[in-house]
Amino acid sequence: MIRLGVSVEGATEREFVTRVLAPFLSQHGIFASPIDMRGKVSLDRIGNELKRLMPAFDYVTTFYDYYGFHKRPEGGVEAVEHAIKELLEPGQRHLLLPYVQLYEFEALVLAAPDQAENTLGVNGLAEQLRQIVTTAGGAENVNDGYETCPSRRIKGLAAAYDKKLHGPVILEQSLDAVRNQCPRFNAWVSSLLELA
């Protein structure tokens, strides 16, 4: 049995880990527990959180959005993940698998258009989401700014969308499809499976 702590940005990611990721990983002997940072994620806050979490688990991973990450280092999402790893002493770094979602959690929802339409009950939503993803060159590439980031695009097409409620429900039925559409996300999930 592998005990995995998952430091998450907020309630949406916590629900995703609880409802989708933890049940999936438990089939492989990995027991994941989300720990909610309650937003405003920054390297300073993460450093304090990791010091608290590392002794309590066999491994720790993170699940934060790149979009909205406070005072993020220059160099893109990989630079942020590297900076997170550097927060630990060298002897502990092999126990940490930092992951930052490009650009935000809703990229995963964009990768499950049929399930999004079924869950939200908006006719034609799946095709609209596919068009957004195609134009951007992939679900993980969708982020054009404040008004066009993934969450606001979905909300603009489906006003009833509630990220904490609907996001995890949509992904419960479509984890394999999302992994196929989101290479960074898939690489993270694969790295977690390797812990077993």
Protein backbone atom coordinates (compact mmCIF):
# COMPACT_ATOMS: atom_id res chain seq x y z
CA MET A 1 0.00 0.00 0.00
CA ILE A 2 1.36 3.40 -1.05
CA ARG A 3 0.13 6.46 0.87
CA LEU A 4 -0.01 9.45 -1.48
CA GLY A 5 -0.68 12.98 -0.30
CA VAL A 6 -2.11 15.25 -3.00
CA SER A 7 -1.76 18.95 -2.26
CA VAL A 8 -4.56 20.57 -4.27
CA GLU A 9 -5.38 24.19 -5.08
CA GLY A 10 -8.99 24.22 -3.97
CA ALA A 11 -12.36 22.54 -3.68
CA THR A 12 -12.66 21.56 -7.36
CA GLU A 13 -9.34 19.73 -7.38
CA ARG A 14 -10.13 18.18 -3.98
CA GLU A 15 -13.41 16.80 -5.34
CA PHE A 16 -11.64 15.52 -8.45
CA VAL A 17 -9.08 13.64 -6.36
CA THR A 18 -11.76 12.26 -4.04
CA ARG A 19 -14.23 11.20 -6.73
CA VAL A 20 -12.01 10.33 -9.70
CA LEU A 21 -8.29 10.02 -9.05
CA ALA A 22 -8.32 8.27 -5.66
CA PRO A 23 -10.71 5.47 -6.73
CA PHE A 24 -8.66 4.93 -9.90
CA LEU A 25 -5.32 4.81 -8.05
CA SER A 26 -6.71 2.56 -5.31
CA GLN A 27 -7.13 -0.18 -7.94
CA HIS A 28 -3.31 -0.15 -8.13
CA GLY A 29 -2.60 -0.14 -4.39
CA ILE A 30 -2.12 3.63 -4.14
CA PHE A 31 -4.27 5.43 -1.58
CA ALA A 32 -4.51 9.13 -2.38
CA SER A 33 -5.65 11.78 0.09
CA PRO A 34 -6.31 15.36 -1.07
CA ILE A 35 -5.16 18.24 1.10
CA ASP A 36 -6.85 21.53 0.13
CA MET A 37 -4.73 24.73 -0.02
CA ARG A 38 -7.95 26.78 -0.40
CA GLY A 39 -6.65 28.88 -3.29
CA LYS A 40 -4.02 31.60 -3.67
CA VAL A 41 -1.29 29.08 -4.38
CA SER A 42 2.27 30.43 -4.28
CA LEU A 43 5.72 28.95 -3.78
CA ASP A 44 5.89 30.32 -0.23
CA ARG A 45 2.62 28.66 0.75
CA ILE A 46 3.54 25.42 -1.03
CA GLY A 47 6.88 25.26 0.79
CA ASN A 48 5.13 25.44 4.16
CA GLU A 49 2.54 22.88 3.07
CA LEU A 50 5.16 20.40 1.84
CA LYS A 51 7.08 20.56 5.12
CA ARG A 52 3.89 19.52 6.87
CA LEU A 53 2.92 16.81 4.39
CA MET A 54 6.17 15.02 3.61
CA PRO A 55 6.44 13.16 6.95
CA ALA A 56 2.81 11.99 6.76
CA PHE A 57 2.93 10.17 3.40
CA ASP A 58 5.12 7.80 1.40
CA TYR A 59 4.94 10.23 -1.55
CA VAL A 60 3.43 13.65 -2.17
CA THR A 61 2.19 15.17 -5.42
CA THR A 62 0.59 18.48 -6.27
CA PHE A 63 -2.37 19.51 -8.40
CA TYR A 64 -2.49 23.28 -8.95
CA ASP A 65 -3.52 25.43 -11.90
CA TYR A 66 -0.85 27.33 -13.82
CA TYR A 67 -3.44 30.00 -14.59
CA GLY A 68 -3.68 32.17 -11.50
CA PHE A 69 -0.57 30.74 -9.79
CA HIS A 70 0.67 33.67 -7.66
CA LYS A 71 4.16 35.05 -8.30
CA ARG A 72 5.04 32.13 -10.54
CA PRO A 73 8.62 31.94 -11.79
CA GLU A 74 9.35 32.74 -15.43
CA GLY A 75 9.88 29.91 -17.86
CA GLY A 76 6.48 28.27 -18.13
CA VAL A 77 4.73 25.46 -16.33
CA GLU A 78 7.84 23.22 -16.21
CA ALA A 79 9.74 26.01 -14.43
CA VAL A 80 6.99 26.19 -11.81
CA GLU A 81 7.12 22.42 -11.26
CA HIS A 82 10.92 22.57 -10.97
CA ALA A 83 10.67 25.42 -8.44
CA ILE A 84 8.20 23.38 -6.37
CA LYS A 85 10.61 20.43 -6.29
CA GLU A 86 13.45 22.75 -5.26
CA LEU A 87 11.48 23.72 -2.15
CA LEU A 88 12.53 20.40 -0.58
CA GLU A 89 15.91 19.29 0.67
CA PRO A 90 17.78 17.20 -1.94
CA GLY A 91 17.27 13.99 0.05
CA GLN A 92 13.47 14.38 -0.07
CA ARG A 93 12.97 15.43 -3.68
CA HIS A 94 12.54 11.89 -4.99
CA LEU A 95 9.41 11.62 -2.81
CA LEU A 96 7.70 14.58 -4.51
CA LEU A 97 5.97 14.51 -7.91
CA PRO A 98 4.99 18.13 -8.58
CA TYR A 99 2.25 18.69 -11.12
CA VAL A 100 0.77 21.96 -12.32
CA GLN A 101 -2.23 21.78 -14.66
CA LEU A 102 -1.84 23.68 -17.91
CA TYR A 103 -3.69 26.02 -17.84
CA GLU A 104 -6.43 25.18 -15.41
CA PHE A 105 -8.59 22.28 -14.25
CA GLU A 106 -11.24 22.99 -16.90
CA ALA A 107 -8.83 21.95 -19.64
CA LEU A 108 -9.71 18.41 -18.55
CA VAL A 109 -13.42 19.15 -18.93
CA LEU A 110 -12.78 20.48 -22.45
CA ALA A 111 -11.23 17.09 -23.24
CA ALA A 112 -14.52 15.33 -22.37
CA PRO A 113 -17.01 17.19 -24.60
CA ASP A 114 -19.65 14.45 -24.89
CA GLN A 115 -19.78 13.86 -21.15
CA ALA A 116 -19.88 17.63 -20.56
CA GLU A 117 -22.92 17.93 -22.85
CA ASN A 118 -24.65 14.98 -21.18
CA THR A 119 -23.97 16.29 -17.67
CA LEU A 120 -24.88 19.91 -18.35
CA GLY A 121 -27.79 19.20 -20.70
CA VAL A 122 -26.84 21.85 -23.26
CA ASN A 123 -27.54 20.72 -26.81
CA GLY A 124 -24.59 21.29 -29.14
CA LEU A 125 -22.14 21.90 -26.28
CA ALA A 126 -19.90 18.98 -27.27
CA GLU A 127 -19.34 20.36 -30.76
CA GLN A 128 -18.63 23.85 -29.44
CA LEU A 129 -16.06 22.47 -26.98
CA ARG A 130 -14.43 20.40 -29.73
CA GLN A 131 -14.10 23.53 -31.86
CA ILE A 132 -12.42 25.43 -29.01
CA VAL A 133 -9.95 22.56 -28.49
CA THR A 134 -9.24 22.20 -32.21
CA THR A 135 -8.59 25.92 -32.63
CA ALA A 136 -6.17 25.92 -29.67
CA GLY A 137 -4.36 22.77 -30.81
CA GLY A 138 -5.36 20.72 -27.76
CA ALA A 139 -7.32 21.05 -24.54
CA GLU A 140 -4.22 21.84 -22.50
CA ASN A 141 -3.41 24.76 -24.81
CA VAL A 142 -6.68 26.63 -24.24
CA ASN A 143 -5.89 29.90 -22.47
CA ASP A 144 -6.12 33.20 -24.27
CA GLY A 145 -6.63 35.46 -21.28
CA TYR A 146 -8.98 36.41 -18.49
CA GLU A 147 -12.19 36.15 -20.50
CA THR A 148 -11.18 33.17 -22.64
CA CYS A 149 -9.53 30.78 -20.19
CA PRO A 150 -11.11 27.28 -20.08
CA SER A 151 -13.43 27.88 -17.12
CA ARG A 152 -14.90 31.09 -18.56
CA ARG A 153 -15.30 29.52 -22.00
CA ILE A 154 -17.32 26.66 -20.53
CA LYS A 155 -19.36 29.01 -18.34
CA GLY A 156 -20.05 31.18 -21.39
CA LEU A 157 -21.55 28.21 -23.23
CA ALA A 158 -23.24 26.55 -20.24
CA ALA A 159 -24.30 29.15 -17.67
CA ALA A 160 -25.25 26.47 -15.13
CA TYR A 161 -21.69 25.06 -15.06
CA ASP A 162 -20.40 24.84 -11.49
CA LYS A 163 -16.77 23.77 -11.51
CA LYS A 164 -16.79 22.08 -8.09
CA LEU A 165 -19.99 20.19 -8.80
CA HIS A 166 -19.90 19.43 -12.53
CA GLY A 167 -16.17 19.15 -13.26
CA PRO A 168 -15.54 16.02 -11.17
CA VAL A 169 -18.84 14.45 -12.29
CA ILE A 170 -17.88 14.93 -15.95
CA LEU A 171 -14.44 13.42 -15.36
CA GLU A 172 -15.76 10.43 -13.40
CA GLN A 173 -17.08 9.02 -16.66
CA SER A 174 -14.23 10.02 -18.93
CA LEU A 175 -10.81 9.64 -17.27
CA ASP A 176 -9.40 7.44 -20.05
CA ALA A 177 -10.60 9.82 -22.79
CA VAL A 178 -9.14 12.79 -20.93
CA ARG A 179 -5.80 11.04 -20.54
CA ASN A 180 -5.78 10.42 -24.30
CA GLN A 181 -6.45 14.10 -25.05
CA CYS A 182 -4.17 15.71 -22.43
CA PRO A 183 -0.55 14.53 -22.67
CA ARG A 184 0.77 16.48 -19.67
CA PHE A 185 -2.04 15.25 -17.47
CA ASN A 186 -1.57 11.71 -18.73
CA ALA A 187 2.17 11.83 -17.98
CA TRP A 188 1.38 12.86 -14.41
CA VAL A 189 -1.18 10.09 -13.89
CA SER A 190 1.27 7.59 -15.41
CA SER A 191 4.00 8.75 -13.03
CA LEU A 192 1.65 8.19 -10.11
CA LEU A 193 0.89 4.66 -11.31
CA GLU A 194 4.62 3.95 -11.42
CA LEU A 195 4.73 4.42 -7.63
CA ALA A 196 3.02 1.06 -7.31
